[in-house]
Amino acid sequence: MSEILVAAIQPPFPREISQQEHEYIFERGMLHLQNVLQYRPSFVLLPEYFNVFGLPKEKMYKQAEHWKLLYDKITQLSKQYKCYIILPMIIENNGQLFNRTFVINDEGLETGFYDKTHLTISERDKLNLTAGNELKCFQTGYGKVAIAVCYEIYFPQIFSTLWKQSPEIIFQPSLQRSEHELASEVLLKARAMDVQAYIMRSSFGQRIEQAWTKDKMFGQSCIVHPDGTILANAGHYEGFAIASIQLPFVWKKPRCSGWPEVAVRKYLMDDSRGELYQ
């Protein structure tokens, strides 16, 4: 079992849709990333739409065409700090736009990517994004990891599919604005317990110099233990959440009253009845 540091970055959200606001939140996000890398974490997660958030639609499309500039910058940081960086972006590829999250390894190389499979109606009808068609895990030096993006937290089918692949961590880059934070917290805890995996969420928070109010994005970039405990939470304001975790973590408890402790994942798999779940 290894004890490692993991972190979720929380840039500020934009006060308006403009090039200037995008540049500000991007610069702040990169600053928080640079600051957290000084702790030498093994994994760092960035939020959904990191390369385009705050931009008007047409400028967002233009930025999506030049996604490789940020990609190259992140691979350099991954290699320099020997850290896996999970990088979500809107990218253009062969005339199509994808909500794509890259897994960059600790040598600055791409382990793989995940295209968001469950798009929101705005992503489909307004932004014309193309959905991915595969739920998958990625092998890392610390075990298997998976990705479920923002809206996908609402689909238990995604997590039951990932559960069968036994990931150690599920990364959840997010841009959730329509939910309240208690519901978000409940969903994160439940999904961590469903899969018996750590869940890391990264989103956007309030600027440090401005008071947070309930009509603003609630932040909540956090790290959730497989037993549902929140280990770290960035709260409402920009910054980051960082925590020490153990990998692999085997969650054990009595299978039933009076029975000895056993790995939860094992006995749930033993008692699973796949023929009923069609």
C-alpha atoms as a PDB file:
ATOM      1  CA  MET A   1       0.000   0.000   0.000  1.00  0.00           C
ATOM      2  CA  SER A   2       1.310   3.449  -0.973  1.00  0.00           C
ATOM      3  CA  GLU A   3       0.452   6.749   0.693  1.00  0.00           C
ATOM      4  CA  ILE A   4       0.270   9.548  -1.859  1.00  0.00           C
ATOM      5  CA  LEU A   5      -0.917  13.133  -2.123  1.00  0.00           C
ATOM      6  CA  VAL A   6      -3.727  14.073  -4.515  1.00  0.00           C
ATOM      7  CA  ALA A   7      -5.165  17.512  -5.271  1.00  0.00           C
ATOM      8  CA  ALA A   8      -8.136  19.131  -7.029  1.00  0.00           C
ATOM      9  CA  ILE A   9      -7.742  22.648  -8.448  1.00  0.00           C
ATOM     10  CA  GLN A  10     -10.515  25.259  -8.030  1.00  0.00           C
ATOM     11  CA  PRO A  11     -10.094  28.406 -10.201  1.00  0.00           C
ATOM     12  CA  PRO A  12     -12.522  31.349  -9.856  1.00  0.00           C
ATOM     13  CA  PHE A  13     -15.631  31.388 -12.030  1.00  0.00           C
ATOM     14  CA  PRO A  14     -16.147  34.313 -14.429  1.00  0.00           C
ATOM     15  CA  ARG A  15     -18.230  37.331 -13.471  1.00  0.00           C
ATOM     16  CA  GLU A  16     -19.194  37.757 -17.133  1.00  0.00           C
ATOM     17  CA  ILE A  17     -18.611  36.095 -20.486  1.00  0.00           C
ATOM     18  CA  SER A  18     -15.595  37.821 -22.021  1.00  0.00           C
ATOM     19  CA  GLN A  19     -12.050  37.233 -23.223  1.00  0.00           C
ATOM     20  CA  GLN A  20     -10.700  39.206 -20.266  1.00  0.00           C
ATOM     21  CA  GLU A  21     -12.589  37.124 -17.698  1.00  0.00           C
ATOM     22  CA  HIS A  22     -11.476  33.886 -19.333  1.00  0.00           C
ATOM     23  CA  GLU A  23      -7.848  34.974 -19.240  1.00  0.00           C
ATOM     24  CA  TYR A  24      -8.145  35.895 -15.570  1.00  0.00           C
ATOM     25  CA  ILE A  25      -9.683  32.608 -14.420  1.00  0.00           C
ATOM     26  CA  PHE A  26      -7.263  30.611 -16.567  1.00  0.00           C
ATOM     27  CA  GLU A  27      -4.260  32.442 -15.114  1.00  0.00           C
ATOM     28  CA  ARG A  28      -5.563  31.915 -11.577  1.00  0.00           C
ATOM     29  CA  GLY A  29      -6.133  28.233 -12.297  1.00  0.00           C
ATOM     30  CA  MET A  30      -2.585  27.844 -13.576  1.00  0.00           C
ATOM     31  CA  LEU A  31      -1.272  29.677 -10.508  1.00  0.00           C
ATOM     32  CA  HIS A  32      -3.139  27.305  -8.172  1.00  0.00           C
ATOM     33  CA  LEU A  33      -1.775  24.389 -10.194  1.00  0.00           C
ATOM     34  CA  GLN A  34       1.790  25.682  -9.866  1.00  0.00           C
ATOM     35  CA  ASN A  35       1.307  26.204  -6.123  1.00  0.00           C
ATOM     36  CA  VAL A  36      -0.068  22.716  -5.500  1.00  0.00           C
ATOM     37  CA  LEU A  37       2.686  21.077  -7.549  1.00  0.00           C
ATOM     38  CA  GLN A  38       5.197  22.336  -4.965  1.00  0.00           C
ATOM     39  CA  TYR A  39       3.741  19.720  -2.582  1.00  0.00           C
ATOM     40  CA  ARG A  40       4.728  16.994  -5.075  1.00  0.00           C
ATOM     41  CA  PRO A  41       1.327  15.300  -5.418  1.00  0.00           C
ATOM     42  CA  SER A  42       0.927  12.114  -7.434  1.00  0.00           C
ATOM     43  CA  PHE A  43      -2.363  13.193  -9.078  1.00  0.00           C
ATOM     44  CA  VAL A  44      -3.820  16.641  -9.802  1.00  0.00           C
ATOM     45  CA  LEU A  45      -7.264  17.217 -11.309  1.00  0.00           C
ATOM     46  CA  LEU A  46      -8.309  20.356 -13.234  1.00  0.00           C
ATOM     47  CA  PRO A  47     -11.966  21.412 -13.803  1.00  0.00           C
ATOM     48  CA  GLU A  48     -14.202  20.827 -16.811  1.00  0.00           C
ATOM     49  CA  TYR A  49     -13.918  23.324 -19.741  1.00  0.00           C
ATOM     50  CA  PHE A  50     -10.596  24.512 -18.310  1.00  0.00           C
ATOM     51  CA  ASN A  51      -9.280  25.855 -21.624  1.00  0.00           C
ATOM     52  CA  VAL A  52     -12.436  27.758 -22.658  1.00  0.00           C
ATOM     53  CA  PHE A  53     -14.547  28.653 -19.607  1.00  0.00           C
ATOM     54  CA  GLY A  54     -15.738  32.269 -19.697  1.00  0.00           C
ATOM     55  CA  LEU A  55     -15.350  32.738 -23.448  1.00  0.00           C
ATOM     56  CA  PRO A  56     -18.134  33.727 -25.858  1.00  0.00           C
ATOM     57  CA  LYS A  57     -19.226  30.828 -28.062  1.00  0.00           C
ATOM     58  CA  GLU A  58     -17.305  31.785 -31.208  1.00  0.00           C
ATOM     59  CA  LYS A  59     -14.092  32.461 -29.294  1.00  0.00           C
ATOM     60  CA  MET A  60     -14.559  29.183 -27.455  1.00  0.00           C
ATOM     61  CA  TYR A  61     -14.603  27.375 -30.806  1.00  0.00           C
ATOM     62  CA  LYS A  62     -11.423  29.150 -31.853  1.00  0.00           C
ATOM     63  CA  GLN A  63      -9.720  28.237 -28.582  1.00  0.00           C
ATOM     64  CA  ALA A  64     -10.792  24.627 -29.020  1.00  0.00           C
ATOM     65  CA  GLU A  65      -8.845  24.521 -32.298  1.00  0.00           C
ATOM     66  CA  HIS A  66      -5.651  25.503 -30.439  1.00  0.00           C
ATOM     67  CA  TRP A  67      -6.020  23.066 -27.511  1.00  0.00           C
ATOM     68  CA  LYS A  68      -2.560  21.622 -28.163  1.00  0.00           C
ATOM     69  CA  LEU A  69      -0.896  24.743 -26.690  1.00  0.00           C
ATOM     70  CA  LEU A  70      -2.279  24.033 -23.207  1.00  0.00           C
ATOM     71  CA  TYR A  71      -1.791  20.302 -23.666  1.00  0.00           C
ATOM     72  CA  ASP A  72       1.942  20.823 -24.290  1.00  0.00           C
ATOM     73  CA  LYS A  73       2.250  23.119 -21.274  1.00  0.00           C
ATOM     74  CA  ILE A  74       0.612  20.527 -19.005  1.00  0.00           C
ATOM     75  CA  THR A  75       2.779  17.683 -20.293  1.00  0.00           C
ATOM     76  CA  GLN A  76       5.855  19.747 -19.445  1.00  0.00           C
ATOM     77  CA  LEU A  77       4.596  20.331 -15.893  1.00  0.00           C
ATOM     78  CA  SER A  78       3.737  16.644 -15.470  1.00  0.00           C
ATOM     79  CA  LYS A  79       7.238  15.653 -16.466  1.00  0.00           C
ATOM     80  CA  GLN A  80       8.921  18.359 -14.376  1.00  0.00           C
ATOM     81  CA  TYR A  81       7.034  17.510 -11.169  1.00  0.00           C
ATOM     82  CA  LYS A  82       6.631  13.750 -11.780  1.00  0.00           C
ATOM     83  CA  CYS A  83       2.865  14.048 -11.411  1.00  0.00           C
ATOM     84  CA  TYR A  84      -0.186  12.700 -13.212  1.00  0.00           C
ATOM     85  CA  ILE A  85      -2.323  15.650 -14.344  1.00  0.00           C
ATOM     86  CA  ILE A  86      -5.933  15.112 -15.393  1.00  0.00           C
ATOM     87  CA  LEU A  87      -6.695  17.764 -18.018  1.00  0.00           C
ATOM     88  CA  PRO A  88     -10.291  18.437 -19.222  1.00  0.00           C
ATOM     89  CA  MET A  89     -10.685  20.587 -22.349  1.00  0.00           C
ATOM     90  CA  ILE A  90     -13.011  21.336 -25.223  1.00  0.00           C
ATOM     91  CA  ILE A  91     -11.092  20.284 -28.304  1.00  0.00           C
ATOM     92  CA  GLU A  92     -11.639  20.256 -32.048  1.00  0.00           C
ATOM     93  CA  ASN A  93     -10.681  17.105 -33.903  1.00  0.00           C
ATOM     94  CA  ASN A  94     -11.415  16.471 -37.598  1.00  0.00           C
ATOM     95  CA  GLY A  95     -14.216  19.025 -37.629  1.00  0.00           C
ATOM     96  CA  GLN A  96     -15.890  17.729 -34.464  1.00  0.00           C
ATOM     97  CA  LEU A  97     -15.881  19.192 -30.962  1.00  0.00           C
ATOM     98  CA  PHE A  98     -15.391  16.961 -27.907  1.00  0.00           C
ATOM     99  CA  ASN A  99     -15.536  17.422 -24.153  1.00  0.00           C
ATOM    100  CA  ARG A 100     -12.293  15.480 -23.696  1.00  0.00           C
ATOM    101  CA  THR A 101     -10.318  14.724 -20.546  1.00  0.00           C
ATOM    102  CA  PHE A 102      -6.690  13.683 -20.943  1.00  0.00           C
ATOM    103  CA  VAL A 103      -4.696  11.572 -18.486  1.00  0.00           C
ATOM    104  CA  ILE A 104      -1.102  12.836 -18.622  1.00  0.00           C
ATOM    105  CA  ASN A 105       1.350  10.603 -16.758  1.00  0.00           C
ATOM    106  CA  ASP A 106       4.291  11.481 -14.521  1.00  0.00           C
ATOM    107  CA  GLU A 107       6.683  11.372 -17.475  1.00  0.00           C
ATOM    108  CA  GLY A 108       4.698  13.917 -19.452  1.00  0.00           C
ATOM    109  CA  LEU A 109       3.163  11.307 -21.762  1.00  0.00           C
ATOM    110  CA  GLU A 110      -0.485  10.734 -22.586  1.00  0.00           C
ATOM    111  CA  THR A 111      -1.899   7.630 -20.920  1.00  0.00           C
ATOM    112  CA  GLY A 112      -5.213   8.083 -22.711  1.00  0.00           C
ATOM    113  CA  PHE A 113      -8.329  10.248 -22.893  1.00  0.00           C
ATOM    114  CA  TYR A 114     -12.039  10.066 -22.163  1.00  0.00           C
ATOM    115  CA  ASP A 115     -14.717  11.817 -24.232  1.00  0.00           C
ATOM    116  CA  LYS A 116     -17.776  12.722 -22.141  1.00  0.00           C
ATOM    117  CA  THR A 117     -20.429  10.168 -23.045  1.00  0.00           C
ATOM    118  CA  HIS A 118     -23.507  11.800 -21.485  1.00  0.00           C
ATOM    119  CA  LEU A 119     -23.758  15.347 -22.826  1.00  0.00           C
ATOM    120  CA  THR A 120     -26.171  17.964 -21.496  1.00  0.00           C
ATOM    121  CA  ILE A 121     -28.835  19.349 -23.821  1.00  0.00           C
ATOM    122  CA  SER A 122     -26.837  22.603 -24.103  1.00  0.00           C
ATOM    123  CA  GLU A 123     -23.695  20.706 -25.084  1.00  0.00           C
ATOM    124  CA  ARG A 124     -25.628  18.842 -27.774  1.00  0.00           C
ATOM    125  CA  ASP A 125     -27.932  21.545 -29.118  1.00  0.00           C
ATOM    126  CA  LYS A 126     -26.070  24.815 -28.506  1.00  0.00           C
ATOM    127  CA  LEU A 127     -22.387  23.891 -28.517  1.00  0.00           C
ATOM    128  CA  ASN A 128     -22.701  21.002 -31.014  1.00  0.00           C
ATOM    129  CA  LEU A 129     -20.383  18.716 -29.072  1.00  0.00           C
ATOM    130  CA  THR A 130     -19.974  15.070 -30.064  1.00  0.00           C
ATOM    131  CA  ALA A 131     -20.450  12.435 -27.366  1.00  0.00           C
ATOM    132  CA  GLY A 132     -17.965   9.679 -26.637  1.00  0.00           C
ATOM    133  CA  ASN A 133     -19.027   6.041 -26.766  1.00  0.00           C
ATOM    134  CA  GLU A 134     -16.818   4.249 -24.247  1.00  0.00           C
ATOM    135  CA  LEU A 135     -16.607   3.981 -20.464  1.00  0.00           C
ATOM    136  CA  LYS A 136     -13.092   2.921 -19.572  1.00  0.00           C
ATOM    137  CA  CYS A 137     -10.354   2.765 -16.985  1.00  0.00           C
ATOM    138  CA  PHE A 138      -6.733   3.845 -17.390  1.00  0.00           C
ATOM    139  CA  GLN A 139      -3.777   1.977 -15.936  1.00  0.00           C
ATOM    140  CA  THR A 140      -1.375   4.162 -13.927  1.00  0.00           C
ATOM    141  CA  GLY A 141       1.609   3.514 -11.716  1.00  0.00           C
ATOM    142  CA  TYR A 142      -0.771   3.594  -8.724  1.00  0.00           C
ATOM    143  CA  GLY A 143      -3.528   1.385 -10.117  1.00  0.00           C
ATOM    144  CA  LYS A 144      -6.535   1.932 -12.351  1.00  0.00           C
ATOM    145  CA  VAL A 145      -8.348   5.274 -12.588  1.00  0.00           C
ATOM    146  CA  ALA A 146     -11.508   6.371 -14.399  1.00  0.00           C
ATOM    147  CA  ILE A 147     -13.290   9.589 -15.374  1.00  0.00           C
ATOM    148  CA  ALA A 148     -16.926  10.705 -15.081  1.00  0.00           C
ATOM    149  CA  VAL A 149     -17.575  14.300 -16.123  1.00  0.00           C
ATOM    150  CA  CYS A 150     -19.980  16.694 -14.370  1.00  0.00           C
ATOM    151  CA  TYR A 151     -23.558  15.738 -15.468  1.00  0.00           C
ATOM    152  CA  GLU A 152     -22.515  12.087 -15.511  1.00  0.00           C
ATOM    153  CA  ILE A 153     -22.664  11.962 -11.683  1.00  0.00           C
ATOM    154  CA  TYR A 154     -26.458  11.558 -12.106  1.00  0.00           C
ATOM    155  CA  PHE A 155     -26.178   8.254 -13.994  1.00  0.00           C
ATOM    156  CA  PRO A 156     -25.703   5.294 -11.628  1.00  0.00           C
ATOM    157  CA  GLN A 157     -25.332   3.046 -14.686  1.00  0.00           C
ATOM    158  CA  ILE A 158     -21.955   4.687 -15.401  1.00  0.00           C
ATOM    159  CA  PHE A 159     -20.703   3.905 -11.928  1.00  0.00           C
ATOM    160  CA  SER A 160     -22.017   0.341 -11.873  1.00  0.00           C
ATOM    161  CA  THR A 161     -20.150  -0.212 -15.152  1.00  0.00           C
ATOM    162  CA  LEU A 162     -16.949   1.283 -13.738  1.00  0.00           C
ATOM    163  CA  TRP A 163     -17.361  -0.713 -10.509  1.00  0.00           C
ATOM    164  CA  LYS A 164     -16.895  -3.929 -12.459  1.00  0.00           C
ATOM    165  CA  GLN A 165     -13.481  -2.643 -13.609  1.00  0.00           C
ATOM    166  CA  SER A 166     -12.346  -1.889 -10.008  1.00  0.00           C
ATOM    167  CA  PRO A 167     -10.774   1.572 -10.370  1.00  0.00           C
ATOM    168  CA  GLU A 168      -8.880   3.084  -7.428  1.00  0.00           C
ATOM    169  CA  ILE A 169      -9.843   6.705  -8.220  1.00  0.00           C
ATOM    170  CA  ILE A 170     -12.642   8.292 -10.240  1.00  0.00           C
ATOM    171  CA  PHE A 171     -11.936  11.837 -11.430  1.00  0.00           C
ATOM    172  CA  GLN A 172     -14.972  14.123 -11.717  1.00  0.00           C
ATOM    173  CA  PRO A 173     -14.162  17.415 -13.483  1.00  0.00           C
ATOM    174  CA  SER A 174     -17.256  19.573 -13.187  1.00  0.00           C
ATOM    175  CA  LEU A 175     -19.001  22.790 -14.162  1.00  0.00           C
ATOM    176  CA  GLN A 176     -22.173  22.175 -12.129  1.00  0.00           C
ATOM    177  CA  ARG A 177     -24.190  25.337 -11.566  1.00  0.00           C
ATOM    178  CA  SER A 178     -27.809  24.208 -11.287  1.00  0.00           C
ATOM    179  CA  GLU A 179     -27.477  21.856  -8.294  1.00  0.00           C
ATOM    180  CA  HIS A 180     -27.199  22.777  -4.626  1.00  0.00           C
ATOM    181  CA  GLU A 181     -24.075  21.707  -2.778  1.00  0.00           C
ATOM    182  CA  LEU A 182     -25.768  19.325  -0.321  1.00  0.00           C
ATOM    183  CA  ALA A 183     -27.194  17.292  -3.208  1.00  0.00           C
ATOM    184  CA  SER A 184     -23.794  17.333  -4.907  1.00  0.00           C
ATOM    185  CA  GLU A 185     -22.158  16.117  -1.690  1.00  0.00           C
ATOM    186  CA  VAL A 186     -24.656  13.274  -1.293  1.00  0.00           C
ATOM    187  CA  LEU A 187     -24.127  12.146  -4.886  1.00  0.00           C
ATOM    188  CA  LEU A 188     -20.332  12.193  -4.534  1.00  0.00           C
ATOM    189  CA  LYS A 189     -20.431  10.173  -1.313  1.00  0.00           C
ATOM    190  CA  ALA A 190     -22.883   7.665  -2.753  1.00  0.00           C
ATOM    191  CA  ARG A 191     -20.869   7.158  -5.955  1.00  0.00           C
ATOM    192  CA  ALA A 192     -17.643   6.675  -3.972  1.00  0.00           C
ATOM    193  CA  MET A 193     -19.365   4.007  -1.872  1.00  0.00           C
ATOM    194  CA  ASP A 194     -21.011   2.450  -4.954  1.00  0.00           C
ATOM    195  CA  VAL A 195     -17.657   1.878  -6.648  1.00  0.00           C
ATOM    196  CA  GLN A 196     -15.523   1.580  -3.472  1.00  0.00           C
ATOM    197  CA  ALA A 197     -13.154   4.104  -5.034  1.00  0.00           C
ATOM    198  CA  TYR A 198     -11.879   7.557  -4.156  1.00  0.00           C
ATOM    199  CA  ILE A 199     -13.711  10.316  -6.027  1.00  0.00           C
ATOM    200  CA  MET A 200     -12.003  13.621  -6.805  1.00  0.00           C
ATOM    201  CA  ARG A 201     -14.117  16.569  -7.943  1.00  0.00           C
ATOM    202  CA  SER A 202     -12.741  19.787  -9.467  1.00  0.00           C
ATOM    203  CA  SER A 203     -14.921  22.797 -10.240  1.00  0.00           C
ATOM    204  CA  PHE A 204     -14.894  26.615 -10.018  1.00  0.00           C
ATOM    205  CA  GLY A 205     -15.336  28.805  -6.915  1.00  0.00           C
ATOM    206  CA  GLN A 206     -15.815  32.411  -5.901  1.00  0.00           C
ATOM    207  CA  ARG A 207     -13.012  34.983  -6.153  1.00  0.00           C
ATOM    208  CA  ILE A 208     -11.190  35.419  -2.873  1.00  0.00           C
ATOM    209  CA  GLU A 209     -11.929  39.142  -2.660  1.00  0.00           C
ATOM    210  CA  GLN A 210     -15.717  38.740  -3.174  1.00  0.00           C
ATOM    211  CA  ALA A 211     -18.267  37.341  -0.732  1.00  0.00           C
ATOM    212  CA  TRP A 212     -19.865  34.065  -1.792  1.00  0.00           C
ATOM    213  CA  THR A 213     -23.665  34.037  -2.011  1.00  0.00           C
ATOM    214  CA  LYS A 214     -26.105  31.221  -2.753  1.00  0.00           C
ATOM    215  CA  ASP A 215     -26.684  32.343  -6.339  1.00  0.00           C
ATOM    216  CA  LYS A 216     -23.014  31.667  -7.163  1.00  0.00           C
ATOM    217  CA  MET A 217     -21.277  28.394  -8.075  1.00  0.00           C
ATOM    218  CA  PHE A 218     -20.631  26.578  -4.817  1.00  0.00           C
ATOM    219  CA  GLY A 219     -17.111  25.321  -5.538  1.00  0.00           C
ATOM    220  CA  GLN A 220     -16.771  22.037  -3.599  1.00  0.00           C
ATOM    221  CA  SER A 221     -13.664  20.748  -5.332  1.00  0.00           C
ATOM    222  CA  CYS A 222     -13.034  17.833  -3.033  1.00  0.00           C
ATOM    223  CA  ILE A 223     -11.580  14.402  -2.352  1.00  0.00           C
ATOM    224  CA  VAL A 224     -13.951  11.682  -1.129  1.00  0.00           C
ATOM    225  CA  HIS A 225     -12.871   8.437   0.537  1.00  0.00           C
ATOM    226  CA  PRO A 226     -14.351   5.097  -0.620  1.00  0.00           C
ATOM    227  CA  ASP A 227     -16.308   4.934   2.661  1.00  0.00           C
ATOM    228  CA  GLY A 228     -17.998   8.274   1.870  1.00  0.00           C
ATOM    229  CA  THR A 229     -15.860  10.509   4.096  1.00  0.00           C
ATOM    230  CA  ILE A 230     -14.855  13.870   2.599  1.00  0.00           C
ATOM    231  CA  LEU A 231     -11.105  14.102   3.170  1.00  0.00           C
ATOM    232  CA  ALA A 232     -10.633  17.626   1.785  1.00  0.00           C
ATOM    233  CA  ASN A 233     -12.928  20.319   0.398  1.00  0.00           C
ATOM    234  CA  ALA A 234     -11.840  23.612  -1.185  1.00  0.00           C
ATOM    235  CA  GLY A 235     -15.122  25.192  -0.064  1.00  0.00           C
ATOM    236  CA  HIS A 236     -16.743  28.128  -1.844  1.00  0.00           C
ATOM    237  CA  TYR A 237     -13.611  30.064  -2.816  1.00  0.00           C
ATOM    238  CA  GLU A 238     -10.865  29.606  -5.387  1.00  0.00           C
ATOM    239  CA  GLY A 239      -7.870  27.529  -4.341  1.00  0.00           C
ATOM    240  CA  PHE A 240      -7.405  23.778  -4.150  1.00  0.00           C
ATOM    241  CA  ALA A 241      -8.202  20.709  -2.068  1.00  0.00           C
ATOM    242  CA  ILE A 242      -5.341  18.375  -1.150  1.00  0.00           C
ATOM    243  CA  ALA A 243      -5.292  15.134   0.837  1.00  0.00           C
ATOM    244  CA  SER A 244      -3.216  12.066   1.557  1.00  0.00           C
ATOM    245  CA  ILE A 245      -4.740   8.778   0.397  1.00  0.00           C
ATOM    246  CA  GLN A 246      -3.739   5.126   0.507  1.00  0.00           C
ATOM    247  CA  LEU A 247      -3.573   3.033  -2.665  1.00  0.00           C
ATOM    248  CA  PRO A 248      -4.729   0.406  -3.051  1.00  0.00           C
ATOM    249  CA  PHE A 249      -7.360   0.935  -0.351  1.00  0.00           C
ATOM    250  CA  VAL A 250      -9.402  -2.130   0.522  1.00  0.00           C
ATOM    251  CA  TRP A 251     -12.598  -1.134   2.318  1.00  0.00           C
ATOM    252  CA  LYS A 252     -13.510  -3.890   4.766  1.00  0.00           C
ATOM    253  CA  LYS A 253     -16.487  -4.376   7.062  1.00  0.00           C
ATOM    254  CA  PRO A 254     -18.588  -7.303   8.346  1.00  0.00           C
ATOM    255  CA  ARG A 255     -20.545  -8.906   5.534  1.00  0.00           C
ATOM    256  CA  CYS A 256     -23.494  -9.196   7.906  1.00  0.00           C
ATOM    257  CA  SER A 257     -24.033  -9.007  11.665  1.00  0.00           C
ATOM    258  CA  GLY A 258     -21.826 -11.558  13.401  1.00  0.00           C
ATOM    259  CA  TRP A 259     -19.717 -12.257  10.308  1.00  0.00           C
ATOM    260  CA  PRO A 260     -15.998 -11.420  10.044  1.00  0.00           C
ATOM    261  CA  GLU A 261     -14.699  -8.372   8.173  1.00  0.00           C
ATOM    262  CA  VAL A 262     -14.165  -8.896   4.462  1.00  0.00           C
ATOM    263  CA  ALA A 263     -13.475  -6.659   1.451  1.00  0.00           C
ATOM    264  CA  VAL A 264     -16.721  -4.861   0.560  1.00  0.00           C
ATOM    265  CA  ARG A 265     -16.017  -4.953  -3.179  1.00  0.00           C
ATOM    266  CA  LYS A 266     -15.564  -8.742  -3.070  1.00  0.00           C
ATOM    267  CA  TYR A 267     -18.760  -9.602  -1.239  1.00  0.00           C
ATOM    268  CA  LEU A 268     -20.845  -7.169  -3.270  1.00  0.00           C
ATOM    269  CA  MET A 269     -19.513  -8.755  -6.449  1.00  0.00           C
ATOM    270  CA  ASP A 270     -20.211 -12.224  -5.014  1.00  0.00           C
ATOM    271  CA  ASP A 271     -23.803 -11.240  -4.185  1.00  0.00           C
ATOM    272  CA  SER A 272     -24.434  -9.291  -7.388  1.00  0.00           C
ATOM    273  CA  ARG A 273     -27.219 -10.703  -9.608  1.00  0.00           C
ATOM    274  CA  GLY A 274     -26.457  -9.454 -13.073  1.00  0.00           C
ATOM    275  CA  GLU A 275     -29.435 -11.250 -14.600  1.00  0.00           C
ATOM    276  CA  LEU A 276     -31.788  -8.879 -12.735  1.00  0.00           C
ATOM    277  CA  TYR A 277     -30.115  -5.672 -13.890  1.00  0.00           C
ATOM    278  CA  GLN A 278     -30.986  -5.790 -17.576  1.00  0.00           C
END
